Each structure stands twice: as C-alpha cells, then as structure tokens.
Amino acid sequence: KDGRVSMEEFLASFAEQFHVPSEQQRAHLEELFHSLDDDESGYLDFREYLLGLALVAEVQDGSDSLDMIRFAFDALDESGDGLLTQNAIKTMFRRLAPDITQECIEEH
C-alpha cells in the first residue's frame, strides 16, 4: 500500500502465485529478496519487486523466455526509452551475481 514490499509480503506473493515454498525455496527467495534490496532497507520498491517477479516467475502458457527477458528489461529501463543505462546494467550484474567484482563488471 505504501509502494514497498516487505520480506513477508514477498514470500506471501510467491505462495499466492505459485505454491507455498519449501524450506529450501524459502531460503533462496530470502536470498533473492536481500540481493534485490539495494538500499538494505528491508523493503523492495516497485522496480526492485518487478525484477524479483521476473526472476522467480514460471513461464505461463502462451509466453516464452523472451517475454520474461522483455519484462525484466522493462523493469530496468528507468527512462522508458528502450535503452539501458550503464548504471542499470551494472546494478543488474550486482543483483544477479553479488560476488562479482567491480573489475569484472567494468571489463564487460
């Protein structure tokens, strides 16, 4: 309601959309939540939440992996101009691979 999603709301949304996660899945979802929470506020803003949904969503009938890629791209496209900024790409790498070094990000 305030535009932010707590860990509990994130887990409840997963359970509502898919199924109640197993303990192992819950641990992975919690890790995902923390990796998406850039400012370590304990909440995901709308953009962070969309990225999370794109990463955990199952492919629905009539859609394919390209649809999921487009969804994730749109979540990262801050200006809506169809282009990703260098900063958005770096942020994506840091979120998806928290152990990646800054040097590796800069090289690629």
PDB file of N, CA and C in Angstrom:
ATOM      1  N   LYS A   1       0.814  -1.207   0.000  1.00  0.00           N
ATOM      2  CA  LYS A   1       0.000   0.000   0.000  1.00  0.00           C
ATOM      3  C   LYS A   1       0.849   1.259   0.000  1.00  0.00           C
ATOM      4  N   ASP A   2       2.081   1.133   0.514  1.00  0.00           N
ATOM      5  CA  ASP A   2       2.970   2.293   0.529  1.00  0.00           C
ATOM      6  C   ASP A   2       3.986   2.253  -0.607  1.00  0.00           C
ATOM      7  N   GLY A   3       3.798   1.320  -1.561  1.00  0.00           N
ATOM      8  CA  GLY A   3       4.716   1.214  -2.681  1.00  0.00           C
ATOM      9  C   GLY A   3       5.951   0.392  -2.393  1.00  0.00           C
ATOM     10  N   ARG A   4       5.994  -0.201  -1.210  1.00  0.00           N
ATOM     11  CA  ARG A   4       7.128  -1.039  -0.842  1.00  0.00           C
ATOM     12  C   ARG A   4       6.620  -2.419  -0.446  1.00  0.00           C
ATOM     13  N   VAL A   5       7.485  -3.414  -0.600  1.00  0.00           N
ATOM     14  CA  VAL A   5       7.130  -4.793  -0.288  1.00  0.00           C
ATOM     15  C   VAL A   5       8.109  -5.320   0.760  1.00  0.00           C
ATOM     16  N   SER A   6       7.575  -5.840   1.853  1.00  0.00           N
ATOM     17  CA  SER A   6       8.416  -6.425   2.891  1.00  0.00           C
ATOM     18  C   SER A   6       8.760  -7.865   2.523  1.00  0.00           C
ATOM     19  N   MET A   7       9.669  -8.456   3.266  1.00  0.00           N
ATOM     20  CA  MET A   7      10.032  -9.855   3.044  1.00  0.00           C
ATOM     21  C   MET A   7       8.801 -10.749   3.161  1.00  0.00           C
ATOM     22  N   GLU A   8       7.995 -10.537   4.183  1.00  0.00           N
ATOM     23  CA  GLU A   8       6.800 -11.364   4.383  1.00  0.00           C
ATOM     24  C   GLU A   8       5.815 -11.216   3.232  1.00  0.00           C
ATOM     25  N   GLU A   9       5.634 -10.002   2.743  1.00  0.00           N
ATOM     26  CA  GLU A   9       4.744  -9.786   1.601  1.00  0.00           C
ATOM     27  C   GLU A   9       5.301 -10.447   0.343  1.00  0.00           C
ATOM     28  N   PHE A  10       6.613 -10.405   0.170  1.00  0.00           N
ATOM     29  CA  PHE A  10       7.279 -11.031  -0.971  1.00  0.00           C
ATOM     30  C   PHE A  10       7.037 -12.539  -0.946  1.00  0.00           C
ATOM     31  N   LEU A  11       7.226 -13.162   0.214  1.00  0.00           N
ATOM     32  CA  LEU A  11       7.015 -14.605   0.341  1.00  0.00           C
ATOM     33  C   LEU A  11       5.546 -14.965   0.161  1.00  0.00           C
ATOM     34  N   ALA A  12       4.653 -14.143   0.701  1.00  0.00           N
ATOM     35  CA  ALA A  12       3.216 -14.391   0.553  1.00  0.00           C
ATOM     36  C   ALA A  12       2.792 -14.285  -0.908  1.00  0.00           C
ATOM     37  N   SER A  13       3.366 -13.336  -1.633  1.00  0.00           N
ATOM     38  CA  SER A  13       3.055 -13.177  -3.054  1.00  0.00           C
ATOM     39  C   SER A  13       3.493 -14.405  -3.834  1.00  0.00           C
ATOM     40  N   PHE A  14       4.669 -14.931  -3.525  1.00  0.00           N
ATOM     41  CA  PHE A  14       5.135 -16.144  -4.184  1.00  0.00           C
ATOM     42  C   PHE A  14       4.173 -17.295  -3.910  1.00  0.00           C
ATOM     43  N   ALA A  15       3.796 -17.455  -2.643  1.00  0.00           N
ATOM     44  CA  ALA A  15       2.892 -18.547  -2.263  1.00  0.00           C
ATOM     45  C   ALA A  15       1.550 -18.413  -2.964  1.00  0.00           C
ATOM     46  N   GLU A  16       1.064 -17.194  -3.088  1.00  0.00           N
ATOM     47  CA  GLU A  16      -0.231 -16.957  -3.744  1.00  0.00           C
ATOM     48  C   GLU A  16      -0.159 -17.259  -5.240  1.00  0.00           C
ATOM     49  N   GLN A  17       0.930 -16.861  -5.880  1.00  0.00           N
ATOM     50  CA  GLN A  17       1.065 -17.035  -7.324  1.00  0.00           C
ATOM     51  C   GLN A  17       1.442 -18.450  -7.723  1.00  0.00           C
ATOM     52  N   PHE A  18       2.229 -19.122  -6.890  1.00  0.00           N
ATOM     53  CA  PHE A  18       2.764 -20.428  -7.277  1.00  0.00           C
ATOM     54  C   PHE A  18       2.375 -21.506  -6.267  1.00  0.00           C
ATOM     55  N   HIS A  19       3.038 -21.548  -5.151  1.00  0.00           N
ATOM     56  CA  HIS A  19       2.789 -22.534  -4.105  1.00  0.00           C
ATOM     57  C   HIS A  19       3.547 -22.104  -2.858  1.00  0.00           C
ATOM     58  N   VAL A  20       3.197 -22.698  -1.738  1.00  0.00           N
ATOM     59  CA  VAL A  20       3.936 -22.403  -0.522  1.00  0.00           C
ATOM     60  C   VAL A  20       5.346 -22.959  -0.717  1.00  0.00           C
ATOM     61  N   PRO A  21       6.358 -22.114  -0.573  1.00  0.00           N
ATOM     62  CA  PRO A  21       7.714 -22.582  -0.842  1.00  0.00           C
ATOM     63  C   PRO A  21       8.208 -23.559   0.222  1.00  0.00           C
ATOM     64  N   SER A  22       9.018 -24.520  -0.226  1.00  0.00           N
ATOM     65  CA  SER A  22       9.677 -25.427   0.717  1.00  0.00           C
ATOM     66  C   SER A  22      10.703 -24.619   1.508  1.00  0.00           C
ATOM     67  N   GLU A  23      11.282 -25.221   2.523  1.00  0.00           N
ATOM     68  CA  GLU A  23      12.295 -24.522   3.310  1.00  0.00           C
ATOM     69  C   GLU A  23      13.468 -24.094   2.426  1.00  0.00           C
ATOM     70  N   GLN A  24      13.882 -24.976   1.516  1.00  0.00           N
ATOM     71  CA  GLN A  24      14.989 -24.656   0.626  1.00  0.00           C
ATOM     72  C   GLN A  24      14.607 -23.516  -0.315  1.00  0.00           C
ATOM     73  N   GLN A  25      13.395 -23.571  -0.874  1.00  0.00           N
ATOM     74  CA  GLN A  25      12.938 -22.498  -1.751  1.00  0.00           C
ATOM     75  C   GLN A  25      12.809 -21.186  -0.978  1.00  0.00           C
ATOM     76  N   ARG A  26      12.322 -21.275   0.248  1.00  0.00           N
ATOM     77  CA  ARG A  26      12.200 -20.063   1.080  1.00  0.00           C
ATOM     78  C   ARG A  26      13.565 -19.420   1.295  1.00  0.00           C
ATOM     79  N   ALA A  27      14.575 -20.249   1.560  1.00  0.00           N
ATOM     80  CA  ALA A  27      15.929 -19.722   1.748  1.00  0.00           C
ATOM     81  C   ALA A  27      16.416 -19.023   0.485  1.00  0.00           C
ATOM     82  N   HIS A  28      16.144 -19.617  -0.686  1.00  0.00           N
ATOM     83  CA  HIS A  28      16.540 -18.993  -1.954  1.00  0.00           C
ATOM     84  C   HIS A  28      15.773 -17.693  -2.185  1.00  0.00           C
ATOM     85  N   LEU A  29      14.484 -17.686  -1.854  1.00  0.00           N
ATOM     86  CA  LEU A  29      13.681 -16.469  -2.017  1.00  0.00           C
ATOM     87  C   LEU A  29      14.165 -15.365  -1.083  1.00  0.00           C
ATOM     88  N   GLU A  30      14.530 -15.731   0.140  1.00  0.00           N
ATOM     89  CA  GLU A  30      15.050 -14.733   1.079  1.00  0.00           C
ATOM     90  C   GLU A  30      16.372 -14.160   0.577  1.00  0.00           C
ATOM     91  N   GLU A  31      17.217 -15.027   0.022  1.00  0.00           N
ATOM     92  CA  GLU A  31      18.484 -14.569  -0.550  1.00  0.00           C
ATOM     93  C   GLU A  31      18.219 -13.635  -1.729  1.00  0.00           C
ATOM     94  N   LEU A  32      17.254 -14.003  -2.579  1.00  0.00           N
ATOM     95  CA  LEU A  32      16.882 -13.152  -3.702  1.00  0.00           C
ATOM     96  C   LEU A  32      16.384 -11.799  -3.202  1.00  0.00           C
ATOM     97  N   PHE A  33      15.522 -11.818  -2.198  1.00  0.00           N
ATOM     98  CA  PHE A  33      14.991 -10.576  -1.636  1.00  0.00           C
ATOM     99  C   PHE A  33      16.135  -9.664  -1.205  1.00  0.00           C
ATOM    100  N   HIS A  34      17.074 -10.213  -0.458  1.00  0.00           N
ATOM    101  CA  HIS A  34      18.187  -9.398   0.045  1.00  0.00           C
ATOM    102  C   HIS A  34      19.078  -8.894  -1.085  1.00  0.00           C
ATOM    103  N   SER A  35      19.239  -9.696  -2.142  1.00  0.00           N
ATOM    104  CA  SER A  35      20.058  -9.233  -3.261  1.00  0.00           C
ATOM    105  C   SER A  35      19.358  -8.138  -4.061  1.00  0.00           C
ATOM    106  N   LEU A  36      18.038  -8.134  -4.066  1.00  0.00           N
ATOM    107  CA  LEU A  36      17.284  -7.090  -4.768  1.00  0.00           C
ATOM    108  C   LEU A  36      17.155  -5.816  -3.948  1.00  0.00           C
ATOM    109  N   ASP A  37      17.288  -5.930  -2.653  1.00  0.00           N
ATOM    110  CA  ASP A  37      17.129  -4.796  -1.743  1.00  0.00           C
ATOM    111  C   ASP A  37      18.413  -3.968  -1.722  1.00  0.00           C
ATOM    112  N   ASP A  38      18.608  -3.162  -2.756  1.00  0.00           N
ATOM    113  CA  ASP A  38      19.847  -2.401  -2.930  1.00  0.00           C
ATOM    114  C   ASP A  38      20.189  -1.508  -1.748  1.00  0.00           C
ATOM    115  N   ASP A  39      19.214  -0.828  -1.199  1.00  0.00           N
ATOM    116  CA  ASP A  39      19.499   0.114  -0.120  1.00  0.00           C
ATOM    117  C   ASP A  39      19.434  -0.526   1.269  1.00  0.00           C
ATOM    118  N   GLU A  40      19.246  -1.838   1.305  1.00  0.00           N
ATOM    119  CA  GLU A  40      19.194  -2.610   2.552  1.00  0.00           C
ATOM    120  C   GLU A  40      18.186  -2.038   3.551  1.00  0.00           C
ATOM    121  N   SER A  41      17.047  -1.598   3.000  1.00  0.00           N
ATOM    122  CA  SER A  41      16.007  -1.014   3.835  1.00  0.00           C
ATOM    123  C   SER A  41      15.091  -2.062   4.455  1.00  0.00           C
ATOM    124  N   GLY A  42      15.186  -3.304   3.973  1.00  0.00           N
ATOM    125  CA  GLY A  42      14.262  -4.340   4.428  1.00  0.00           C
ATOM    126  C   GLY A  42      12.982  -4.359   3.615  1.00  0.00           C
ATOM    127  N   TYR A  43      12.941  -3.532   2.576  1.00  0.00           N
ATOM    128  CA  TYR A  43      11.783  -3.445   1.687  1.00  0.00           C
ATOM    129  C   TYR A  43      12.269  -3.378   0.244  1.00  0.00           C
ATOM    130  N   LEU A  44      11.417  -3.831  -0.671  1.00  0.00           N
ATOM    131  CA  LEU A  44      11.679  -3.661  -2.091  1.00  0.00           C
ATOM    132  C   LEU A  44      10.770  -2.558  -2.610  1.00  0.00           C
ATOM    133  N   ASP A  45      11.346  -1.630  -3.375  1.00  0.00           N
ATOM    134  CA  ASP A  45      10.485  -0.651  -4.030  1.00  0.00           C
ATOM    135  C   ASP A  45       9.874  -1.329  -5.253  1.00  0.00           C
ATOM    136  N   PHE A  46       9.035  -0.616  -5.967  1.00  0.00           N
ATOM    137  CA  PHE A  46       8.295  -1.223  -7.068  1.00  0.00           C
ATOM    138  C   PHE A  46       9.226  -1.820  -8.118  1.00  0.00           C
ATOM    139  N   ARG A  47      10.252  -1.090  -8.505  1.00  0.00           N
ATOM    140  CA  ARG A  47      11.184  -1.562  -9.531  1.00  0.00           C
ATOM    141  C   ARG A  47      11.921  -2.812  -9.069  1.00  0.00           C
ATOM    142  N   GLU A  48      12.390  -2.797  -7.829  1.00  0.00           N
ATOM    143  CA  GLU A  48      13.078  -3.967  -7.276  1.00  0.00           C
ATOM    144  C   GLU A  48      12.134  -5.173  -7.243  1.00  0.00           C
ATOM    145  N   TYR A  49      10.893  -4.931  -6.870  1.00  0.00           N
ATOM    146  CA  TYR A  49       9.905  -6.006  -6.797  1.00  0.00           C
ATOM    147  C   TYR A  49       9.642  -6.617  -8.174  1.00  0.00           C
ATOM    148  N   LEU A  50       9.523  -5.767  -9.197  1.00  0.00           N
ATOM    149  CA  LEU A  50       9.309  -6.278 -10.552  1.00  0.00           C
ATOM    150  C   LEU A  50      10.471  -7.162 -11.001  1.00  0.00           C
ATOM    151  N   LEU A  51      11.674  -6.754 -10.683  1.00  0.00           N
ATOM    152  CA  LEU A  51      12.832  -7.578 -11.021  1.00  0.00           C
ATOM    153  C   LEU A  51      12.740  -8.932 -10.331  1.00  0.00           C
ATOM    154  N   GLY A  52      12.333  -8.922  -9.080  1.00  0.00           N
ATOM    155  CA  GLY A  52      12.175 -10.174  -8.347  1.00  0.00           C
ATOM    156  C   GLY A  52      11.137 -11.073  -8.978  1.00  0.00           C
ATOM    157  N   LEU A  53      10.017 -10.495  -9.360  1.00  0.00           N
ATOM    158  CA  LEU A  53       8.976 -11.292 -10.016  1.00  0.00           C
ATOM    159  C   LEU A  53       9.481 -11.895 -11.322  1.00  0.00           C
ATOM    160  N   ALA A  54      10.210 -11.106 -12.075  1.00  0.00           N
ATOM    161  CA  ALA A  54      10.735 -11.594 -13.347  1.00  0.00           C
ATOM    162  C   ALA A  54      11.701 -12.753 -13.140  1.00  0.00           C
ATOM    163  N   LEU A  55      12.433 -12.710 -12.055  1.00  0.00           N
ATOM    164  CA  LEU A  55      13.422 -13.757 -11.811  1.00  0.00           C
ATOM    165  C   LEU A  55      12.819 -15.049 -11.290  1.00  0.00           C
ATOM    166  N   VAL A  56      11.683 -14.972 -10.580  1.00  0.00           N
ATOM    167  CA  VAL A  56      11.111 -16.191  -9.998  1.00  0.00           C
ATOM    168  C   VAL A  56       9.864 -16.687 -10.711  1.00  0.00           C
ATOM    169  N   ALA A  57       9.336 -15.892 -11.629  1.00  0.00           N
ATOM    170  CA  ALA A  57       8.082 -16.273 -12.285  1.00  0.00           C
ATOM    171  C   ALA A  57       8.267 -17.497 -13.173  1.00  0.00           C
ATOM    172  N   GLU A  58       7.320 -18.385 -13.123  1.00  0.00           N
ATOM    173  CA  GLU A  58       7.314 -19.517 -14.041  1.00  0.00           C
ATOM    174  C   GLU A  58       6.748 -19.028 -15.363  1.00  0.00           C
ATOM    175  N   VAL A  59       7.210 -19.630 -16.425  1.00  0.00           N
ATOM    176  CA  VAL A  59       6.698 -19.254 -17.745  1.00  0.00           C
ATOM    177  C   VAL A  59       5.263 -19.750 -17.851  1.00  0.00           C
ATOM    178  N   GLN A  60       4.366 -18.838 -18.136  1.00  0.00           N
ATOM    179  CA  GLN A  60       2.944 -19.165 -18.230  1.00  0.00           C
ATOM    180  C   GLN A  60       2.619 -19.678 -19.624  1.00  0.00           C
ATOM    181  N   ASP A  61       1.505 -20.382 -19.753  1.00  0.00           N
ATOM    182  CA  ASP A  61       1.051 -20.841 -21.073  1.00  0.00           C
ATOM    183  C   ASP A  61       0.950 -19.645 -22.014  1.00  0.00           C
ATOM    184  N   GLY A  62       1.442 -19.827 -23.227  1.00  0.00           N
ATOM    185  CA  GLY A  62       1.354 -18.761 -24.222  1.00  0.00           C
ATOM    186  C   GLY A  62       2.490 -17.762 -24.137  1.00  0.00           C
ATOM    187  N   SER A  63       3.379 -17.890 -23.167  1.00  0.00           N
ATOM    188  CA  SER A  63       4.516 -16.991 -23.081  1.00  0.00           C
ATOM    189  C   SER A  63       5.786 -17.816 -23.186  1.00  0.00           C
ATOM    190  N   ASP A  64       6.886 -17.147 -23.407  1.00  0.00           N
ATOM    191  CA  ASP A  64       8.150 -17.856 -23.500  1.00  0.00           C
ATOM    192  C   ASP A  64       9.224 -17.076 -22.768  1.00  0.00           C
ATOM    193  N   SER A  65      10.423 -17.579 -22.815  1.00  0.00           N
ATOM    194  CA  SER A  65      11.507 -16.929 -22.085  1.00  0.00           C
ATOM    195  C   SER A  65      11.780 -15.526 -22.620  1.00  0.00           C
ATOM    196  N   LEU A  66      11.506 -15.275 -23.886  1.00  0.00           N
ATOM    197  CA  LEU A  66      11.693 -13.937 -24.433  1.00  0.00           C
ATOM    198  C   LEU A  66      10.764 -12.942 -23.741  1.00  0.00           C
ATOM    199  N   ASP A  67       9.552 -13.362 -23.430  1.00  0.00           N
ATOM    200  CA  ASP A  67       8.627 -12.497 -22.689  1.00  0.00           C
ATOM    201  C   ASP A  67       9.200 -12.131 -21.326  1.00  0.00           C
ATOM    202  N   MET A  68       9.816 -13.106 -20.661  1.00  0.00           N
ATOM    203  CA  MET A  68      10.397 -12.851 -19.345  1.00  0.00           C
ATOM    204  C   MET A  68      11.582 -11.900 -19.457  1.00  0.00           C
ATOM    205  N   ILE A  69      12.374 -12.049 -20.511  1.00  0.00           N
ATOM    206  CA  ILE A  69      13.507 -11.149 -20.725  1.00  0.00           C
ATOM    207  C   ILE A  69      12.999  -9.728 -20.967  1.00  0.00           C
ATOM    208  N   ARG A  70      11.955  -9.605 -21.780  1.00  0.00           N
ATOM    209  CA  ARG A  70      11.374  -8.277 -22.026  1.00  0.00           C
ATOM    210  C   ARG A  70      10.841  -7.649 -20.742  1.00  0.00           C
ATOM    211  N   PHE A  71      10.187  -8.460 -19.919  1.00  0.00           N
ATOM    212  CA  PHE A  71       9.647  -7.967 -18.659  1.00  0.00           C
ATOM    213  C   PHE A  71      10.770  -7.441 -17.770  1.00  0.00           C
ATOM    214  N   ALA A  72      11.853  -8.227 -17.648  1.00  0.00           N
ATOM    215  CA  ALA A  72      12.989  -7.809 -16.824  1.00  0.00           C
ATOM    216  C   ALA A  72      13.646  -6.556 -17.415  1.00  0.00           C
ATOM    217  N   PHE A  73      13.773  -6.510 -18.745  1.00  0.00           N
ATOM    218  CA  PHE A  73      14.361  -5.343 -19.403  1.00  0.00           C
ATOM    219  C   PHE A  73      13.537  -4.095 -19.089  1.00  0.00           C
ATOM    220  N   ASP A  74      12.239  -4.211 -19.226  1.00  0.00           N
ATOM    221  CA  ASP A  74      11.367  -3.066 -18.964  1.00  0.00           C
ATOM    222  C   ASP A  74      11.497  -2.586 -17.526  1.00  0.00           C
ATOM    223  N   ALA A  75      11.698  -3.518 -16.594  1.00  0.00           N
ATOM    224  CA  ALA A  75      11.865  -3.135 -15.193  1.00  0.00           C
ATOM    225  C   ALA A  75      13.159  -2.355 -14.983  1.00  0.00           C
ATOM    226  N   LEU A  76      14.186  -2.654 -15.786  1.00  0.00           N
ATOM    227  CA  LEU A  76      15.461  -1.956 -15.670  1.00  0.00           C
ATOM    228  C   LEU A  76      15.520  -0.673 -16.478  1.00  0.00           C
ATOM    229  N   ASP A  77      14.641  -0.525 -17.456  1.00  0.00           N
ATOM    230  CA  ASP A  77      14.629   0.644 -18.338  1.00  0.00           C
ATOM    231  C   ASP A  77      14.012   1.816 -17.586  1.00  0.00           C
ATOM    232  N   GLU A  78      14.847   2.521 -16.839  1.00  0.00           N
ATOM    233  CA  GLU A  78      14.365   3.580 -15.947  1.00  0.00           C
ATOM    234  C   GLU A  78      13.647   4.705 -16.671  1.00  0.00           C
ATOM    235  N   SER A  79      14.119   5.061 -17.857  1.00  0.00           N
ATOM    236  CA  SER A  79      13.535   6.195 -18.575  1.00  0.00           C
ATOM    237  C   SER A  79      12.414   5.791 -19.518  1.00  0.00           C
ATOM    238  N   GLY A  80      12.271   4.479 -19.773  1.00  0.00           N
ATOM    239  CA  GLY A  80      11.234   4.016 -20.682  1.00  0.00           C
ATOM    240  C   GLY A  80      11.533   4.267 -22.147  1.00  0.00           C
ATOM    241  N   ASP A  81      12.802   4.563 -22.446  1.00  0.00           N
ATOM    242  CA  ASP A  81      13.165   4.863 -23.826  1.00  0.00           C
ATOM    243  C   ASP A  81      13.672   3.654 -24.609  1.00  0.00           C
ATOM    244  N   GLY A  82      13.610   2.465 -23.997  1.00  0.00           N
ATOM    245  CA  GLY A  82      14.065   1.262 -24.681  1.00  0.00           C
ATOM    246  C   GLY A  82      15.563   1.044 -24.612  1.00  0.00           C
ATOM    247  N   LEU A  83      16.237   1.849 -23.798  1.00  0.00           N
ATOM    248  CA  LEU A  83      17.685   1.729 -23.640  1.00  0.00           C
ATOM    249  C   LEU A  83      18.019   1.534 -22.163  1.00  0.00           C
ATOM    250  N   LEU A  84      19.039   0.738 -21.904  1.00  0.00           N
ATOM    251  CA  LEU A  84      19.507   0.562 -20.532  1.00  0.00           C
ATOM    252  C   LEU A  84      20.754   1.408 -20.336  1.00  0.00           C
ATOM    253  N   THR A  85      20.787   2.104 -19.221  1.00  0.00           N
ATOM    254  CA  THR A  85      21.976   2.881 -18.912  1.00  0.00           C
ATOM    255  C   THR A  85      23.071   1.947 -18.423  1.00  0.00           C
ATOM    256  N   GLN A  86      24.285   2.420 -18.488  1.00  0.00           N
ATOM    257  CA  GLN A  86      25.414   1.638 -17.988  1.00  0.00           C
ATOM    258  C   GLN A  86      25.209   1.335 -16.502  1.00  0.00           C
ATOM    259  N   ASN A  87      24.682   2.294 -15.772  1.00  0.00           N
ATOM    260  CA  ASN A  87      24.425   2.104 -14.351  1.00  0.00           C
ATOM    261  C   ASN A  87      23.383   1.010 -14.109  1.00  0.00           C
ATOM    262  N   ALA A  88      22.341   0.959 -14.928  1.00  0.00           N
ATOM    263  CA  ALA A  88      21.307  -0.069 -14.780  1.00  0.00           C
ATOM    264  C   ALA A  88      21.886  -1.456 -15.032  1.00  0.00           C
ATOM    265  N   ILE A  89      22.764  -1.556 -16.017  1.00  0.00           N
ATOM    266  CA  ILE A  89      23.386  -2.851 -16.328  1.00  0.00           C
ATOM    267  C   ILE A  89      24.299  -3.279 -15.186  1.00  0.00           C
ATOM    268  N   LYS A  90      25.083  -2.349 -14.651  1.00  0.00           N
ATOM    269  CA  LYS A  90      25.951  -2.665 -13.516  1.00  0.00           C
ATOM    270  C   LYS A  90      25.122  -3.106 -12.317  1.00  0.00           C
ATOM    271  N   THR A  91      24.021  -2.418 -12.076  1.00  0.00           N
ATOM    272  CA  THR A  91      23.138  -2.781 -10.966  1.00  0.00           C
ATOM    273  C   THR A  91      22.597  -4.183 -11.161  1.00  0.00           C
ATOM    274  N   MET A  92      22.203  -4.520 -12.383  1.00  0.00           N
ATOM    275  CA  MET A  92      21.689  -5.846 -12.674  1.00  0.00           C
ATOM    276  C   MET A  92      22.744  -6.906 -12.365  1.00  0.00           C
ATOM    277  N   PHE A  93      23.983  -6.674 -12.813  1.00  0.00           N
ATOM    278  CA  PHE A  93      25.051  -7.632 -12.535  1.00  0.00           C
ATOM    279  C   PHE A  93      25.252  -7.803 -11.031  1.00  0.00           C
ATOM    280  N   ARG A  94      25.253  -6.691 -10.306  1.00  0.00           N
ATOM    281  CA  ARG A  94      25.456  -6.774  -8.847  1.00  0.00           C
ATOM    282  C   ARG A  94      24.314  -7.528  -8.173  1.00  0.00           C
ATOM    283  N   ARG A  95      23.104  -7.370  -8.673  1.00  0.00           N
ATOM    284  CA  ARG A  95      21.959  -8.064  -8.081  1.00  0.00           C
ATOM    285  C   ARG A  95      21.962  -9.550  -8.405  1.00  0.00           C
ATOM    286  N   LEU A  96      22.272  -9.878  -9.643  1.00  0.00           N
ATOM    287  CA  LEU A  96      22.211 -11.270 -10.067  1.00  0.00           C
ATOM    288  C   LEU A  96      23.436 -12.070  -9.645  1.00  0.00           C
ATOM    289  N   ALA A  97      24.550 -11.401  -9.469  1.00  0.00           N
ATOM    290  CA  ALA A  97      25.790 -12.069  -9.070  1.00  0.00           C
ATOM    291  C   ALA A  97      26.494 -11.219  -8.019  1.00  0.00           C
ATOM    292  N   PRO A  98      25.995 -11.260  -6.766  1.00  0.00           N
ATOM    293  CA  PRO A  98      26.542 -10.383  -5.732  1.00  0.00           C
ATOM    294  C   PRO A  98      28.043 -10.556  -5.486  1.00  0.00           C
ATOM    295  N   ASP A  99      28.593 -11.711  -5.842  1.00  0.00           N
ATOM    296  CA  ASP A  99      30.019 -11.960  -5.611  1.00  0.00           C
ATOM    297  C   ASP A  99      30.906 -11.449  -6.733  1.00  0.00           C
ATOM    298  N   ILE A 100      30.311 -10.941  -7.796  1.00  0.00           N
ATOM    299  CA  ILE A 100      31.093 -10.462  -8.935  1.00  0.00           C
ATOM    300  C   ILE A 100      31.872  -9.211  -8.523  1.00  0.00           C
ATOM    301  N   THR A 101      33.098  -9.125  -8.999  1.00  0.00           N
ATOM    302  CA  THR A 101      33.920  -7.975  -8.642  1.00  0.00           C
ATOM    303  C   THR A 101      33.601  -6.780  -9.527  1.00  0.00           C
ATOM    304  N   GLN A 102      33.901  -5.595  -9.005  1.00  0.00           N
ATOM    305  CA  GLN A 102      33.687  -4.378  -9.775  1.00  0.00           C
ATOM    306  C   GLN A 102      34.547  -4.403 -11.036  1.00  0.00           C
ATOM    307  N   GLU A 103      35.771  -4.946 -10.927  1.00  0.00           N
ATOM    308  CA  GLU A 103      36.654  -5.025 -12.075  1.00  0.00           C
ATOM    309  C   GLU A 103      36.034  -5.861 -13.195  1.00  0.00           C
ATOM    310  N   CYS A 104      35.426  -6.977 -12.821  1.00  0.00           N
ATOM    311  CA  CYS A 104      34.786  -7.849 -13.808  1.00  0.00           C
ATOM    312  C   CYS A 104      33.629  -7.126 -14.493  1.00  0.00           C
ATOM    313  N   ILE A 105      32.857  -6.397 -13.723  1.00  0.00           N
ATOM    314  CA  ILE A 105      31.737  -5.635 -14.294  1.00  0.00           C
ATOM    315  C   ILE A 105      32.277  -4.592 -15.282  1.00  0.00           C
ATOM    316  N   GLU A 106      33.321  -3.892 -14.896  1.00  0.00           N
ATOM    317  CA  GLU A 106      33.889  -2.856 -15.758  1.00  0.00           C
ATOM    318  C   GLU A 106      34.450  -3.440 -17.054  1.00  0.00           C
ATOM    319  N   GLU A 107      35.042  -4.652 -16.980  1.00  0.00           N
ATOM    320  CA  GLU A 107      35.621  -5.274 -18.165  1.00  0.00           C
ATOM    321  C   GLU A 107      34.565  -5.633 -19.195  1.00  0.00           C
ATOM    322  N   HIS A 108      33.390  -5.999 -18.736  1.00  0.00           N
ATOM    323  CA  HIS A 108      32.366  -6.497 -19.648  1.00  0.00           C
ATOM    324  C   HIS A 108      31.304  -5.457 -19.845  1.00  0.00           C
TER     325      HIS A 108
END
